[in-house]
Amino acid sequence: MNVSTSSFPAGPHAPATEVVNARDTDALKAARLYLCTDARRDRGDFAGFVDAAFAGGVDIIQLRDKAIEAAEELDLLAVLKETAVRHGKLWAVNDRADIAVLSGAPVFHIGQKDLPLAAARTLVNGNAAIGLSSHTTQQVDAALAATAGPAGLDYFCVGPVWATPTKPGRSAVGTGLVEYAAEASRQAGEPVPWFAIGGIDHGNVRQVAEAGARRIVVVRAITGAADPAAAAASLLDALDGAAS
């Protein structure tokens, strides 16, 4: 998977002087496995972990850790970017447009209560793909409607399919919303990729795929694995098996 790069002004903690263009390549459309990870402070193996995850087939890695300061996040994103570019993959920033801009992140993810899409688009670099979380049928419909035009949404996520400790207090939506998103996206001509998210692991990934998802976001299924590369490859095999 090839990704193009262009120059980008570096800030004091900017990971690099290049930014990957995620909007004008097939990297995002081809992505099937999206991983969210914390800084792995308890294990101290962030660099090795993200390298193994990409090697196993992860297409996008998002660093999402509310416990770290901005400077540390930018330093870790420098590691993540170098690894992603080496593997020809993508990486993402969650919520914070300032961090996304300074790091030159090719993917920026927002929630329903974060920056509105139009505001996010004015802040991040023009090459960045923007994704949005959706939790209801109305939000799925709104996400699909927001894909129109050059400033539109680039992908969206549907969930949480099952309850997950990474989103405490968020009610699970079940596979019914996945089925709804699959049909609504099909009727809309599948304008952008969409991912099922929330509590997905090796034990239930086939259920999500059978409900219509062809792309998934995972956390513990890989972050908690003894062999991240093998865990990623196994998840992809399950997606392929359910789709065949």
C-alpha atoms as a PDB file:
ATOM      1  CA  MET A   1       0.000   0.000   0.000  1.00  0.00           C
ATOM      2  CA  ASN A   2       1.612   3.263  -1.124  1.00  0.00           C
ATOM      3  CA  VAL A   3       1.108   6.624   0.520  1.00  0.00           C
ATOM      4  CA  SER A   4       2.270   9.956  -0.871  1.00  0.00           C
ATOM      5  CA  THR A   5       4.003  12.625   1.193  1.00  0.00           C
ATOM      6  CA  SER A   6       4.520  16.360   0.944  1.00  0.00           C
ATOM      7  CA  SER A   7       6.306  19.015   2.960  1.00  0.00           C
ATOM      8  CA  PHE A   8       4.721  20.397   6.107  1.00  0.00           C
ATOM      9  CA  PRO A   9       6.020  23.082   8.494  1.00  0.00           C
ATOM     10  CA  ALA A  10       7.456  21.507  11.617  1.00  0.00           C
ATOM     11  CA  GLY A  11       6.641  22.755  15.097  1.00  0.00           C
ATOM     12  CA  PRO A  12       8.953  22.348  18.114  1.00  0.00           C
ATOM     13  CA  HIS A  13       7.806  18.777  18.711  1.00  0.00           C
ATOM     14  CA  ALA A  14       6.714  17.912  15.180  1.00  0.00           C
ATOM     15  CA  PRO A  15       7.523  14.303  14.360  1.00  0.00           C
ATOM     16  CA  ALA A  16       8.788  15.015  10.839  1.00  0.00           C
ATOM     17  CA  THR A  17       8.802  17.487   7.960  1.00  0.00           C
ATOM     18  CA  GLU A  18       6.543  15.398   5.736  1.00  0.00           C
ATOM     19  CA  VAL A  19       2.861  14.645   5.901  1.00  0.00           C
ATOM     20  CA  VAL A  20       1.137  11.667   4.375  1.00  0.00           C
ATOM     21  CA  ASN A  21      -1.742  12.450   2.039  1.00  0.00           C
ATOM     22  CA  ALA A  22      -4.546  10.143   3.150  1.00  0.00           C
ATOM     23  CA  ARG A  23      -7.267  11.742   1.031  1.00  0.00           C
ATOM     24  CA  ASP A  24      -5.759  11.274  -2.412  1.00  0.00           C
ATOM     25  CA  THR A  25      -4.538   7.686  -2.150  1.00  0.00           C
ATOM     26  CA  ASP A  26      -6.255   4.343  -1.813  1.00  0.00           C
ATOM     27  CA  ALA A  27      -4.702   3.717   1.621  1.00  0.00           C
ATOM     28  CA  LEU A  28      -7.810   4.608   3.599  1.00  0.00           C
ATOM     29  CA  LYS A  29     -10.238   2.868   1.248  1.00  0.00           C
ATOM     30  CA  ALA A  30      -8.150  -0.293   1.384  1.00  0.00           C
ATOM     31  CA  ALA A  31      -7.855  -0.256   5.187  1.00  0.00           C
ATOM     32  CA  ARG A  32      -9.635  -3.059   7.041  1.00  0.00           C
ATOM     33  CA  LEU A  33      -7.980  -3.221  10.448  1.00  0.00           C
ATOM     34  CA  TYR A  34      -7.740  -0.084  12.592  1.00  0.00           C
ATOM     35  CA  LEU A  35      -6.043  -0.251  15.985  1.00  0.00           C
ATOM     36  CA  CYS A  36      -6.326   2.144  18.921  1.00  0.00           C
ATOM     37  CA  THR A  37      -3.565   1.930  21.498  1.00  0.00           C
ATOM     38  CA  ASP A  38      -2.391   3.826  24.542  1.00  0.00           C
ATOM     39  CA  ALA A  39       1.234   4.842  25.100  1.00  0.00           C
ATOM     40  CA  ARG A  40       2.004   1.418  26.658  1.00  0.00           C
ATOM     41  CA  ARG A  41       3.818   3.027  29.560  1.00  0.00           C
ATOM     42  CA  ASP A  42       3.323  -0.092  31.659  1.00  0.00           C
ATOM     43  CA  ARG A  43       5.252  -2.204  29.145  1.00  0.00           C
ATOM     44  CA  GLY A  44       7.620   0.385  27.690  1.00  0.00           C
ATOM     45  CA  ASP A  45       7.429  -1.239  24.264  1.00  0.00           C
ATOM     46  CA  PHE A  46       5.524   1.289  22.147  1.00  0.00           C
ATOM     47  CA  ALA A  47       7.950   1.276  19.218  1.00  0.00           C
ATOM     48  CA  GLY A  48       8.199  -2.499  19.041  1.00  0.00           C
ATOM     49  CA  PHE A  49       4.466  -2.927  19.531  1.00  0.00           C
ATOM     50  CA  VAL A  50       3.376  -0.642  16.690  1.00  0.00           C
ATOM     51  CA  ASP A  51       5.993  -2.185  14.417  1.00  0.00           C
ATOM     52  CA  ALA A  52       4.653  -5.675  15.138  1.00  0.00           C
ATOM     53  CA  ALA A  53       1.039  -4.575  14.707  1.00  0.00           C
ATOM     54  CA  PHE A  54       1.732  -3.081  11.305  1.00  0.00           C
ATOM     55  CA  ALA A  55       3.733  -6.145  10.313  1.00  0.00           C
ATOM     56  CA  GLY A  56       0.743  -8.332  11.207  1.00  0.00           C
ATOM     57  CA  GLY A  57      -1.577  -6.415   8.895  1.00  0.00           C
ATOM     58  CA  VAL A  58      -2.943  -3.437  10.856  1.00  0.00           C
ATOM     59  CA  ASP A  59      -3.648  -0.621   8.404  1.00  0.00           C
ATOM     60  CA  ILE A  60      -4.159   2.344  10.747  1.00  0.00           C
ATOM     61  CA  ILE A  61      -2.921   2.897  14.295  1.00  0.00           C
ATOM     62  CA  GLN A  62      -4.405   5.633  16.456  1.00  0.00           C
ATOM     63  CA  LEU A  63      -2.578   6.777  19.570  1.00  0.00           C
ATOM     64  CA  ARG A  64      -5.274   7.449  22.143  1.00  0.00           C
ATOM     65  CA  ASP A  65      -4.066   8.088  25.670  1.00  0.00           C
ATOM     66  CA  LYS A  66      -5.686  10.694  27.914  1.00  0.00           C
ATOM     67  CA  ALA A  67      -2.965  10.250  30.548  1.00  0.00           C
ATOM     68  CA  ILE A  68      -0.073  11.728  28.558  1.00  0.00           C
ATOM     69  CA  GLU A  69       0.889  15.349  27.996  1.00  0.00           C
ATOM     70  CA  ALA A  70       1.053  16.970  24.576  1.00  0.00           C
ATOM     71  CA  ALA A  71       4.851  16.918  24.300  1.00  0.00           C
ATOM     72  CA  GLU A  72       5.017  13.209  25.083  1.00  0.00           C
ATOM     73  CA  GLU A  73       2.214  12.510  22.633  1.00  0.00           C
ATOM     74  CA  LEU A  74       4.070  14.311  19.862  1.00  0.00           C
ATOM     75  CA  ASP A  75       7.238  12.361  20.648  1.00  0.00           C
ATOM     76  CA  LEU A  76       5.330   9.085  20.463  1.00  0.00           C
ATOM     77  CA  LEU A  77       3.642  10.175  17.240  1.00  0.00           C
ATOM     78  CA  ALA A  78       7.101  10.730  15.767  1.00  0.00           C
ATOM     79  CA  VAL A  79       7.824   7.064  16.458  1.00  0.00           C
ATOM     80  CA  LEU A  80       4.424   6.022  15.140  1.00  0.00           C
ATOM     81  CA  LYS A  81       4.834   8.067  11.964  1.00  0.00           C
ATOM     82  CA  GLU A  82       8.274   6.667  11.169  1.00  0.00           C
ATOM     83  CA  THR A  83       6.999   3.141  11.656  1.00  0.00           C
ATOM     84  CA  ALA A  84       3.842   3.710   9.639  1.00  0.00           C
ATOM     85  CA  VAL A  85       5.686   5.255   6.706  1.00  0.00           C
ATOM     86  CA  ARG A  86       8.197   2.405   6.727  1.00  0.00           C
ATOM     87  CA  HIS A  87       5.331  -0.091   6.477  1.00  0.00           C
ATOM     88  CA  GLY A  88       3.345   2.019   4.001  1.00  0.00           C
ATOM     89  CA  LYS A  89       0.471   2.383   6.480  1.00  0.00           C
ATOM     90  CA  LEU A  90      -1.495   5.197   8.146  1.00  0.00           C
ATOM     91  CA  TRP A  91      -1.643   6.624  11.660  1.00  0.00           C
ATOM     92  CA  ALA A  92      -4.228   8.732  13.451  1.00  0.00           C
ATOM     93  CA  VAL A  93      -4.772  11.353  16.134  1.00  0.00           C
ATOM     94  CA  ASN A  94      -7.947  11.449  18.210  1.00  0.00           C
ATOM     95  CA  ASP A  95      -9.854  14.573  19.327  1.00  0.00           C
ATOM     96  CA  ARG A  96      -7.032  17.159  19.386  1.00  0.00           C
ATOM     97  CA  ALA A  97      -6.712  19.155  16.183  1.00  0.00           C
ATOM     98  CA  ASP A  98      -3.606  20.954  17.461  1.00  0.00           C
ATOM     99  CA  ILE A  99      -1.788  17.653  17.916  1.00  0.00           C
ATOM    100  CA  ALA A 100      -3.006  16.488  14.513  1.00  0.00           C
ATOM    101  CA  VAL A 101      -1.657  19.639  12.866  1.00  0.00           C
ATOM    102  CA  LEU A 102       1.704  19.615  14.642  1.00  0.00           C
ATOM    103  CA  SER A 103       2.270  15.936  13.940  1.00  0.00           C
ATOM    104  CA  GLY A 104       1.073  16.101  10.354  1.00  0.00           C
ATOM    105  CA  ALA A 105      -1.274  13.208  11.061  1.00  0.00           C
ATOM    106  CA  PRO A 106      -2.851  11.751   7.924  1.00  0.00           C
ATOM    107  CA  VAL A 107      -5.973  10.702   9.856  1.00  0.00           C
ATOM    108  CA  PHE A 108      -7.894  12.727  12.445  1.00  0.00           C
ATOM    109  CA  HIS A 109     -10.797  11.228  14.362  1.00  0.00           C
ATOM    110  CA  ILE A 110     -13.594  13.138  16.080  1.00  0.00           C
ATOM    111  CA  GLY A 111     -16.503  12.113  18.265  1.00  0.00           C
ATOM    112  CA  GLN A 112     -20.066  13.390  18.332  1.00  0.00           C
ATOM    113  CA  LYS A 113     -19.209  15.918  21.058  1.00  0.00           C
ATOM    114  CA  ASP A 114     -15.856  17.014  19.659  1.00  0.00           C
ATOM    115  CA  LEU A 115     -15.139  19.605  16.986  1.00  0.00           C
ATOM    116  CA  PRO A 116     -17.782  19.827  14.262  1.00  0.00           C
ATOM    117  CA  LEU A 117     -16.574  18.491  10.933  1.00  0.00           C
ATOM    118  CA  ALA A 118     -16.430  21.915   9.284  1.00  0.00           C
ATOM    119  CA  ALA A 119     -14.313  23.321  12.117  1.00  0.00           C
ATOM    120  CA  ALA A 120     -11.999  20.314  12.093  1.00  0.00           C
ATOM    121  CA  ARG A 121     -11.545  20.638   8.339  1.00  0.00           C
ATOM    122  CA  THR A 122     -10.440  24.268   8.662  1.00  0.00           C
ATOM    123  CA  LEU A 123      -7.837  23.354  11.283  1.00  0.00           C
ATOM    124  CA  VAL A 124      -6.153  20.176  10.053  1.00  0.00           C
ATOM    125  CA  ASN A 125      -3.975  20.006   6.969  1.00  0.00           C
ATOM    126  CA  GLY A 126      -5.832  19.550   3.718  1.00  0.00           C
ATOM    127  CA  ASN A 127      -4.396  16.087   3.165  1.00  0.00           C
ATOM    128  CA  ALA A 128      -5.805  14.677   6.400  1.00  0.00           C
ATOM    129  CA  ALA A 129      -8.704  12.247   6.306  1.00  0.00           C
ATOM    130  CA  ILE A 130     -11.320  12.931   8.981  1.00  0.00           C
ATOM    131  CA  GLY A 131     -13.394  10.236  10.629  1.00  0.00           C
ATOM    132  CA  LEU A 132     -16.419  10.436  12.925  1.00  0.00           C
ATOM    133  CA  SER A 133     -17.919   8.148  15.562  1.00  0.00           C
ATOM    134  CA  SER A 134     -21.591   7.234  15.187  1.00  0.00           C
ATOM    135  CA  HIS A 135     -23.795   5.479  17.741  1.00  0.00           C
ATOM    136  CA  THR A 136     -27.341   5.632  16.356  1.00  0.00           C
ATOM    137  CA  THR A 137     -29.131   5.173  13.054  1.00  0.00           C
ATOM    138  CA  GLN A 138     -29.609   8.930  12.848  1.00  0.00           C
ATOM    139  CA  GLN A 139     -25.884   9.500  13.310  1.00  0.00           C
ATOM    140  CA  VAL A 140     -25.064   6.914  10.651  1.00  0.00           C
ATOM    141  CA  ASP A 141     -27.415   8.714   8.254  1.00  0.00           C
ATOM    142  CA  ALA A 142     -25.828  12.051   9.154  1.00  0.00           C
ATOM    143  CA  ALA A 143     -22.329  10.645   8.619  1.00  0.00           C
ATOM    144  CA  LEU A 144     -23.256   9.376   5.167  1.00  0.00           C
ATOM    145  CA  ALA A 145     -24.822  12.730   4.304  1.00  0.00           C
ATOM    146  CA  ALA A 146     -21.659  14.508   5.463  1.00  0.00           C
ATOM    147  CA  THR A 147     -19.457  12.670   2.953  1.00  0.00           C
ATOM    148  CA  ALA A 148     -20.472  14.912   0.062  1.00  0.00           C
ATOM    149  CA  GLY A 149     -18.117  17.536  -1.304  1.00  0.00           C
ATOM    150  CA  PRO A 150     -14.374  18.139  -1.103  1.00  0.00           C
ATOM    151  CA  ALA A 151     -14.584  19.079   2.598  1.00  0.00           C
ATOM    152  CA  GLY A 152     -16.719  16.083   3.497  1.00  0.00           C
ATOM    153  CA  LEU A 153     -16.209  13.240   5.920  1.00  0.00           C
ATOM    154  CA  ASP A 154     -13.712  10.563   4.851  1.00  0.00           C
ATOM    155  CA  TYR A 155     -14.826   7.627   7.025  1.00  0.00           C
ATOM    156  CA  PHE A 156     -16.997   6.841  10.018  1.00  0.00           C
ATOM    157  CA  CYS A 157     -17.167   4.280  12.804  1.00  0.00           C
ATOM    158  CA  VAL A 158     -20.242   2.427  14.084  1.00  0.00           C
ATOM    159  CA  GLY A 159     -20.524   1.276  17.686  1.00  0.00           C
ATOM    160  CA  PRO A 160     -19.722   0.370  20.320  1.00  0.00           C
ATOM    161  CA  VAL A 161     -21.024  -2.979  19.126  1.00  0.00           C
ATOM    162  CA  TRP A 162     -20.325  -4.435  22.556  1.00  0.00           C
ATOM    163  CA  ALA A 163     -19.623  -2.722  25.855  1.00  0.00           C
ATOM    164  CA  THR A 164     -15.960  -1.855  26.298  1.00  0.00           C
ATOM    165  CA  PRO A 165     -13.898  -0.437  29.172  1.00  0.00           C
ATOM    166  CA  THR A 166     -12.322   2.061  26.802  1.00  0.00           C
ATOM    167  CA  LYS A 167     -15.705   3.836  26.634  1.00  0.00           C
ATOM    168  CA  PRO A 168     -17.170   3.510  30.132  1.00  0.00           C
ATOM    169  CA  GLY A 169     -20.839   4.436  30.384  1.00  0.00           C
ATOM    170  CA  ARG A 170     -21.410   4.128  26.629  1.00  0.00           C
ATOM    171  CA  SER A 171     -24.227   1.686  25.895  1.00  0.00           C
ATOM    172  CA  ALA A 172     -23.559  -1.100  23.415  1.00  0.00           C
ATOM    173  CA  VAL A 173     -25.482  -0.814  20.148  1.00  0.00           C
ATOM    174  CA  GLY A 174     -25.250  -4.475  19.132  1.00  0.00           C
ATOM    175  CA  THR A 175     -24.859  -5.872  15.640  1.00  0.00           C
ATOM    176  CA  GLY A 176     -28.183  -4.349  14.587  1.00  0.00           C
ATOM    177  CA  LEU A 177     -26.557  -0.969  14.006  1.00  0.00           C
ATOM    178  CA  VAL A 178     -23.796  -2.656  12.010  1.00  0.00           C
ATOM    179  CA  GLU A 179     -26.450  -4.222   9.782  1.00  0.00           C
ATOM    180  CA  TYR A 180     -28.135  -0.842   9.418  1.00  0.00           C
ATOM    181  CA  ALA A 181     -24.860   0.873   8.483  1.00  0.00           C
ATOM    182  CA  ALA A 182     -24.046  -1.815   5.927  1.00  0.00           C
ATOM    183  CA  GLU A 183     -27.396  -1.412   4.186  1.00  0.00           C
ATOM    184  CA  ALA A 184     -27.459   2.384   4.431  1.00  0.00           C
ATOM    185  CA  SER A 185     -23.947   2.614   3.030  1.00  0.00           C
ATOM    186  CA  ARG A 186     -24.834   0.244   0.192  1.00  0.00           C
ATOM    187  CA  GLN A 187     -27.905   2.275  -0.728  1.00  0.00           C
ATOM    188  CA  ALA A 188     -25.805   5.453  -0.680  1.00  0.00           C
ATOM    189  CA  GLY A 189     -23.315   3.918  -3.095  1.00  0.00           C
ATOM    190  CA  GLU A 190     -20.714   3.237  -0.398  1.00  0.00           C
ATOM    191  CA  PRO A 191     -19.256   6.753  -0.564  1.00  0.00           C
ATOM    192  CA  VAL A 192     -16.627   6.245   2.165  1.00  0.00           C
ATOM    193  CA  PRO A 193     -15.210   3.403   4.255  1.00  0.00           C
ATOM    194  CA  TRP A 194     -16.853   2.635   7.585  1.00  0.00           C
ATOM    195  CA  PHE A 195     -15.623   0.559  10.520  1.00  0.00           C
ATOM    196  CA  ALA A 196     -17.390  -1.383  13.249  1.00  0.00           C
ATOM    197  CA  ILE A 197     -15.937  -0.637  16.689  1.00  0.00           C
ATOM    198  CA  GLY A 198     -16.393  -1.590  20.326  1.00  0.00           C
ATOM    199  CA  GLY A 199     -15.476  -4.781  22.146  1.00  0.00           C
ATOM    200  CA  ILE A 200     -14.507  -6.611  18.964  1.00  0.00           C
ATOM    201  CA  ASP A 201     -12.119  -9.508  19.475  1.00  0.00           C
ATOM    202  CA  HIS A 202     -11.240 -12.933  18.125  1.00  0.00           C
ATOM    203  CA  GLY A 203     -14.323 -14.465  19.701  1.00  0.00           C
ATOM    204  CA  ASN A 204     -16.887 -12.226  18.039  1.00  0.00           C
ATOM    205  CA  VAL A 205     -15.262 -10.749  14.942  1.00  0.00           C
ATOM    206  CA  ARG A 206     -17.117 -13.173  12.688  1.00  0.00           C
ATOM    207  CA  GLN A 207     -20.451 -11.937  14.093  1.00  0.00           C
ATOM    208  CA  VAL A 208     -19.541  -8.393  13.140  1.00  0.00           C
ATOM    209  CA  ALA A 209     -18.432  -9.465   9.676  1.00  0.00           C
ATOM    210  CA  GLU A 210     -21.602 -11.496   9.165  1.00  0.00           C
ATOM    211  CA  ALA A 211     -23.599  -8.382  10.109  1.00  0.00           C
ATOM    212  CA  GLY A 212     -22.026  -6.603   7.158  1.00  0.00           C
ATOM    213  CA  ALA A 213     -18.833  -4.995   8.442  1.00  0.00           C
ATOM    214  CA  ARG A 214     -15.768  -5.346   6.238  1.00  0.00           C
ATOM    215  CA  ARG A 215     -13.596  -3.126   8.406  1.00  0.00           C
ATOM    216  CA  ILE A 216     -13.085  -3.131  12.169  1.00  0.00           C
ATOM    217  CA  VAL A 217     -11.478  -1.087  14.921  1.00  0.00           C
ATOM    218  CA  VAL A 218      -9.972  -3.028  17.811  1.00  0.00           C
ATOM    219  CA  VAL A 219      -8.126  -2.289  21.020  1.00  0.00           C
ATOM    220  CA  ARG A 220      -7.562  -5.127  23.488  1.00  0.00           C
ATOM    221  CA  ALA A 221      -7.697  -7.843  20.823  1.00  0.00           C
ATOM    222  CA  ILE A 222      -4.222  -6.670  19.814  1.00  0.00           C
ATOM    223  CA  THR A 223      -2.946  -4.504  22.690  1.00  0.00           C
ATOM    224  CA  GLY A 224      -3.482  -7.384  25.119  1.00  0.00           C
ATOM    225  CA  ALA A 225      -1.985 -10.043  22.865  1.00  0.00           C
ATOM    226  CA  ALA A 226       1.321 -11.709  23.590  1.00  0.00           C
ATOM    227  CA  ASP A 227       2.017 -11.663  19.844  1.00  0.00           C
ATOM    228  CA  PRO A 228       0.496  -8.514  18.289  1.00  0.00           C
ATOM    229  CA  ALA A 229       1.454  -9.492  14.747  1.00  0.00           C
ATOM    230  CA  ALA A 230      -0.214 -12.891  15.030  1.00  0.00           C
ATOM    231  CA  ALA A 231      -3.286 -11.349  16.653  1.00  0.00           C
ATOM    232  CA  ALA A 232      -3.664  -8.871  13.793  1.00  0.00           C
ATOM    233  CA  ALA A 233      -3.236 -11.565  11.161  1.00  0.00           C
ATOM    234  CA  SER A 234      -5.817 -13.757  12.902  1.00  0.00           C
ATOM    235  CA  LEU A 235      -8.391 -10.967  12.940  1.00  0.00           C
ATOM    236  CA  LEU A 236      -7.913 -10.366   9.238  1.00  0.00           C
ATOM    237  CA  ASP A 237      -8.259 -14.078   8.539  1.00  0.00           C
ATOM    238  CA  ALA A 238     -11.568 -14.061  10.424  1.00  0.00           C
ATOM    239  CA  LEU A 239     -12.817 -11.093   8.413  1.00  0.00           C
ATOM    240  CA  ASP A 240     -11.862 -12.808   5.185  1.00  0.00           C
ATOM    241  CA  GLY A 241     -13.434 -16.080   6.255  1.00  0.00           C
ATOM    242  CA  ALA A 242     -16.746 -14.480   7.153  1.00  0.00           C
ATOM    243  CA  ALA A 243     -16.865 -12.493   3.919  1.00  0.00           C
ATOM    244  CA  SER A 244     -16.155 -15.490   1.669  1.00  0.00           C
END
